[in-house]
């Protein structure tokens, strides 16, 4: 059973930065397509960024140029570097892995407010 654990969510000021981390159990994570999704209050969950096993990346238009997804040196880790944060980035951020089906973490809350 795959387990995904996110960390790094916090309160940040507009224009600030945060780095989210995702740590996974098992060995599939390093070759699977993995990514970050977010869900704001009253809204549907949406893709933020995704990285394939061959390190191809895709970003939501709303975060391009501000967020960077990457894999860690440890094969079972993934990060989301978030810069130039905006209030509209406020959401619960979820780590996701797709390997035949979707696997989800429990989420970490990011709040952007002055």
Protein backbone atom coordinates (compact mmCIF):
# COMPACT_ATOMS: atom_id res chain seq x y z
CA UNK A 1 0.00 0.00 0.00
CA UNK A 2 1.42 3.35 -1.06
CA UNK A 3 1.41 6.14 1.48
CA UNK A 4 2.05 9.78 0.62
CA UNK A 5 2.82 12.32 3.33
CA UNK A 6 2.92 16.05 2.64
CA UNK A 7 4.56 18.71 4.76
CA UNK A 8 5.53 22.35 4.55
CA UNK A 9 2.17 24.06 4.49
CA UNK A 10 2.08 27.28 6.46
CA UNK A 11 0.91 30.87 6.60
CA UNK A 12 2.80 33.07 4.16
CA UNK A 13 2.55 36.72 3.19
CA UNK A 14 1.75 37.76 -0.38
CA UNK A 15 4.98 37.74 -2.35
CA UNK A 16 6.52 35.20 -0.02
CA UNK A 17 7.74 31.67 -0.59
CA UNK A 18 7.06 28.19 0.73
CA UNK A 19 8.38 24.76 -0.14
CA UNK A 20 6.12 21.76 0.11
CA UNK A 21 7.49 18.24 0.45
CA UNK A 22 5.98 14.87 -0.29
CA UNK A 23 7.48 11.65 0.98
CA UNK A 24 6.25 8.32 -0.33
CA UNK A 25 6.53 4.75 0.81
CA UNK A 26 7.61 2.09 -1.65
CA UNK A 27 9.77 2.24 -4.75
CA UNK A 28 7.27 3.03 -7.51
CA UNK A 29 7.26 6.75 -6.73
CA UNK A 30 10.53 7.36 -8.55
CA UNK A 31 9.19 6.08 -11.88
CA UNK A 32 5.55 7.07 -11.63
CA UNK A 33 3.90 10.29 -12.72
CA UNK A 34 3.54 12.37 -9.57
CA UNK A 35 2.25 15.81 -8.89
CA UNK A 36 0.62 18.43 -6.74
CA UNK A 37 -3.04 19.33 -6.71
CA UNK A 38 -4.85 21.93 -4.64
CA UNK A 39 -8.35 22.56 -3.44
CA UNK A 40 -9.52 25.96 -2.28
CA UNK A 41 -12.65 26.37 -0.15
CA UNK A 42 -15.75 25.92 -2.25
CA UNK A 43 -13.78 24.95 -5.35
CA UNK A 44 -12.89 21.73 -7.12
CA UNK A 45 -9.49 20.12 -6.76
CA UNK A 46 -7.18 21.27 -9.54
CA UNK A 47 -3.82 20.27 -10.93
CA UNK A 48 -0.96 22.56 -9.90
CA UNK A 49 2.05 20.76 -11.37
CA UNK A 50 3.04 17.28 -12.46
CA UNK A 51 6.29 15.48 -13.25
CA UNK A 52 6.65 12.21 -15.11
CA UNK A 53 9.11 9.41 -14.55
CA UNK A 54 11.25 10.92 -17.30
CA UNK A 55 11.10 14.32 -15.57
CA UNK A 56 8.79 16.04 -18.03
CA UNK A 57 6.80 18.71 -16.24
CA UNK A 58 3.50 20.48 -16.71
CA UNK A 59 2.14 23.44 -14.78
CA UNK A 60 -1.21 25.13 -14.39
CA UNK A 61 -1.21 28.48 -16.17
CA UNK A 62 -1.92 30.22 -12.87
CA UNK A 63 1.40 29.07 -11.35
CA UNK A 64 3.76 29.08 -14.36
CA UNK A 65 6.90 31.04 -13.62
CA UNK A 66 6.20 31.05 -9.87
CA UNK A 67 6.11 27.38 -8.84
CA UNK A 68 8.65 24.65 -9.53
CA UNK A 69 8.09 20.94 -9.11
CA UNK A 70 11.07 18.66 -8.59
CA UNK A 71 12.08 15.24 -7.36
CA UNK A 72 14.46 14.91 -4.47
CA UNK A 73 17.77 13.09 -4.46
CA UNK A 74 16.01 10.48 -2.38
CA UNK A 75 13.94 8.59 -4.91
CA UNK A 76 10.77 8.71 -2.85
CA UNK A 77 10.53 12.49 -2.39
CA UNK A 78 9.07 15.36 -4.34
CA UNK A 79 8.95 19.09 -3.77
CA UNK A 80 6.96 22.11 -4.82
CA UNK A 81 8.82 25.40 -4.53
CA UNK A 82 6.29 28.20 -4.44
CA UNK A 83 7.48 31.77 -4.97
CA UNK A 84 5.66 35.07 -5.38
CA UNK A 85 2.70 33.68 -3.52
CA UNK A 86 -0.71 35.26 -3.99
CA UNK A 87 -3.81 35.14 -1.81
CA UNK A 88 -5.48 33.03 -4.50
CA UNK A 89 -2.87 30.32 -3.88
CA UNK A 90 -4.55 29.65 -0.55
CA UNK A 91 -5.68 26.02 -0.57
CA UNK A 92 -5.06 22.56 0.74
CA UNK A 93 -2.26 21.07 -1.37
CA UNK A 94 -2.26 17.36 -2.08
CA UNK A 95 0.51 15.08 -3.24
CA UNK A 96 -0.61 12.67 -5.94
CA UNK A 97 0.85 9.61 -7.59
CA UNK A 98 -0.69 7.85 -10.58
CA UNK A 99 0.24 4.20 -11.05
CA UNK A 100 -2.74 2.40 -12.43
CA UNK A 101 -4.87 4.47 -10.14
CA UNK A 102 -4.59 7.68 -8.15
CA UNK A 103 -2.95 7.74 -4.75
CA UNK A 104 -3.37 10.80 -2.51
CA UNK A 105 -1.78 12.25 0.57
CA UNK A 106 -3.77 13.79 3.38
CA UNK A 107 -3.03 17.35 2.28
CA UNK A 108 -1.20 20.33 3.75
CA UNK A 109 -2.74 23.77 4.19
CA UNK A 110 -1.20 26.81 2.55
CA UNK A 111 -2.60 30.17 3.55
CA UNK A 112 -1.42 33.34 1.84
CA UNK A 113 -2.52 36.42 3.69
CA UNK A 114 -1.16 39.65 5.10
